[in-house]
C-alpha atoms as a PDB file:
ATOM      1  CA  MET A   1     -10.444  37.711 -23.456  1.00  0.00           C
ATOM      2  CA  THR A   2     -10.688  34.009 -24.315  1.00  0.00           C
ATOM      3  CA  GLU A   3      -7.014  33.358 -23.504  1.00  0.00           C
ATOM      4  CA  PRO A   4      -7.329  34.085 -19.743  1.00  0.00           C
ATOM      5  CA  VAL A   5     -10.546  32.030 -19.622  1.00  0.00           C
ATOM      6  CA  GLN A   6      -8.839  29.099 -21.333  1.00  0.00           C
ATOM      7  CA  ALA A   7      -5.872  29.413 -18.984  1.00  0.00           C
ATOM      8  CA  LEU A   8      -8.237  29.341 -16.015  1.00  0.00           C
ATOM      9  CA  GLU A   9     -10.035  26.306 -17.418  1.00  0.00           C
ATOM     10  CA  ARG A  10      -6.683  24.506 -17.810  1.00  0.00           C
ATOM     11  CA  ARG A  11      -5.709  25.464 -14.266  1.00  0.00           C
ATOM     12  CA  ILE A  12      -9.026  24.219 -12.894  1.00  0.00           C
ATOM     13  CA  SER A  13      -8.558  20.951 -14.768  1.00  0.00           C
ATOM     14  CA  GLU A  14      -5.015  20.582 -13.375  1.00  0.00           C
ATOM     15  CA  LEU A  15      -6.204  21.317  -9.851  1.00  0.00           C
ATOM     16  CA  ARG A  16      -9.026  18.799 -10.136  1.00  0.00           C
ATOM     17  CA  ALA A  17      -6.560  16.154 -11.306  1.00  0.00           C
ATOM     18  CA  GLY A  18      -4.303  17.030  -8.381  1.00  0.00           C
ATOM     19  CA  VAL A  19      -7.172  16.639  -5.946  1.00  0.00           C
ATOM     20  CA  ARG A  20      -8.036  13.230  -7.418  1.00  0.00           C
ATOM     21  CA  ASP A  21      -4.370  12.197  -7.135  1.00  0.00           C
ATOM     22  CA  THR A  22      -4.230  13.384  -3.524  1.00  0.00           C
ATOM     23  CA  VAL A  23      -7.362  11.469  -2.584  1.00  0.00           C
ATOM     24  CA  MET A  24      -6.036   8.399  -4.374  1.00  0.00           C
ATOM     25  CA  ALA A  25      -2.637   8.772  -2.691  1.00  0.00           C
ATOM     26  CA  ARG A  26      -4.280   8.835   0.750  1.00  0.00           C
ATOM     27  CA  GLY A  27      -6.111   5.626  -0.026  1.00  0.00           C
ATOM     28  CA  LEU A  28      -2.976   4.001  -1.394  1.00  0.00           C
ATOM     29  CA  ARG A  29      -0.973   5.021   1.680  1.00  0.00           C
ATOM     30  CA  ARG A  30      -3.687   3.502   3.878  1.00  0.00           C
ATOM     31  CA  GLU A  31      -3.606   0.289   1.811  1.00  0.00           C
ATOM     32  CA  LEU A  32       0.204   0.240   1.978  1.00  0.00           C
ATOM     33  CA  ARG A  33       0.193   0.577   5.777  1.00  0.00           C
ATOM     34  CA  GLN A  34      -2.341  -2.262   6.018  1.00  0.00           C
ATOM     35  CA  ALA A  35      -0.322  -4.470   3.652  1.00  0.00           C
ATOM     36  CA  GLU A  36       2.845  -3.793   5.671  1.00  0.00           C
ATOM     37  CA  GLN A  37       1.002  -4.662   8.883  1.00  0.00           C
ATOM     38  CA  ASP A  38      -0.342  -7.854   7.306  1.00  0.00           C
ATOM     39  CA  TRP A  39       3.229  -8.709   6.236  1.00  0.00           C
ATOM     40  CA  GLU A  40       4.545  -8.204   9.768  1.00  0.00           C
ATOM     41  CA  ASP A  41       1.707 -10.303  11.204  1.00  0.00           C
ATOM     42  CA  ALA A  42       2.406 -13.099   8.707  1.00  0.00           C
ATOM     43  CA  LEU A  43       6.117 -13.079   9.588  1.00  0.00           C
ATOM     44  CA  THR A  44       5.262 -13.289  13.271  1.00  0.00           C
ATOM     45  CA  ARG A  45       2.996 -16.285  12.639  1.00  0.00           C
ATOM     46  CA  VAL A  46       5.701 -18.017  10.584  1.00  0.00           C
ATOM     47  CA  GLN A  47       8.307 -17.408  13.266  1.00  0.00           C
ATOM     48  CA  GLN A  48       5.995 -18.689  15.998  1.00  0.00           C
ATOM     49  CA  ALA A  49       5.146 -21.771  13.931  1.00  0.00           C
ATOM     50  CA  GLY A  50       8.888 -22.395  13.429  1.00  0.00           C
ATOM     51  CA  ARG A  51       9.356 -22.452  17.193  1.00  0.00           C
ATOM     52  CA  GLY A  52       6.395 -24.755  17.508  1.00  0.00           C
ATOM     53  CA  ASP A  53       4.901 -22.261  19.944  1.00  0.00           C
ATOM     54  CA  ARG A  54       6.979 -23.921  22.682  1.00  0.00           C
ATOM     55  CA  GLU A  55       7.905 -20.584  24.100  1.00  0.00           C
ATOM     56  CA  GLN A  56       6.407 -17.150  24.208  1.00  0.00           C
ATOM     57  CA  PRO A  57       8.176 -14.568  22.070  1.00  0.00           C
ATOM     58  CA  ALA A  58      10.675 -12.608  24.135  1.00  0.00           C
ATOM     59  CA  GLU A  59       9.977  -8.934  24.653  1.00  0.00           C
ATOM     60  CA  PRO A  60      12.658  -6.790  23.008  1.00  0.00           C
ATOM     61  CA  ALA A  61      14.986  -5.127  25.495  1.00  0.00           C
ATOM     62  CA  GLY A  62      13.699  -1.779  26.648  1.00  0.00           C
ATOM     63  CA  SER A  63      10.190  -2.275  25.317  1.00  0.00           C
ATOM     64  CA  ALA A  64       7.154  -1.697  27.457  1.00  0.00           C
ATOM     65  CA  ALA A  65       5.138  -4.789  28.275  1.00  0.00           C
ATOM     66  CA  GLY A  66       2.494  -5.251  25.619  1.00  0.00           C
ATOM     67  CA  ALA A  67       3.936  -2.567  23.339  1.00  0.00           C
ATOM     68  CA  ARG A  68       4.196  -3.755  19.766  1.00  0.00           C
ATOM     69  CA  VAL A  69       7.612  -3.351  18.198  1.00  0.00           C
ATOM     70  CA  PRO A  70       7.496  -3.814  14.437  1.00  0.00           C
ATOM     71  CA  LEU A  71       9.722  -6.490  13.045  1.00  0.00           C
ATOM     72  CA  LEU A  72      12.290  -5.596  10.459  1.00  0.00           C
ATOM     73  CA  PRO A  73      10.679  -6.650   7.172  1.00  0.00           C
ATOM     74  CA  LEU A  74      12.215  -9.697   5.545  1.00  0.00           C
ATOM     75  CA  ARG A  75      13.047  -7.673   2.455  1.00  0.00           C
ATOM     76  CA  ASN A  76      15.322  -5.487   4.639  1.00  0.00           C
ATOM     77  CA  ARG A  77      17.000  -8.468   6.289  1.00  0.00           C
ATOM     78  CA  CYS A  78      18.186 -10.052   3.049  1.00  0.00           C
ATOM     79  CA  THR A  79      21.755  -9.414   2.059  1.00  0.00           C
ATOM     80  CA  ARG A  80      22.203  -7.663  -1.235  1.00  0.00           C
ATOM     81  CA  ARG A  81      24.681  -8.983  -3.730  1.00  0.00           C
END
């Protein structure tokens, strides 16, 4: 009789850990999205500062006016050796 109870206790413990991991993963995904957005914003500011803000950034071809098109992250633009 104690074996099924112990198995259920282990299962409950595993499920609780899974729930904690899921909740944590949601928060981490949210933080990751924010960090990626901050990265894109920082790159935009650097690029605009490099142009000296003499000109407005050109809208990408085919984009709707005012629609935000994410920049390709710098880490993806670097050539790999």
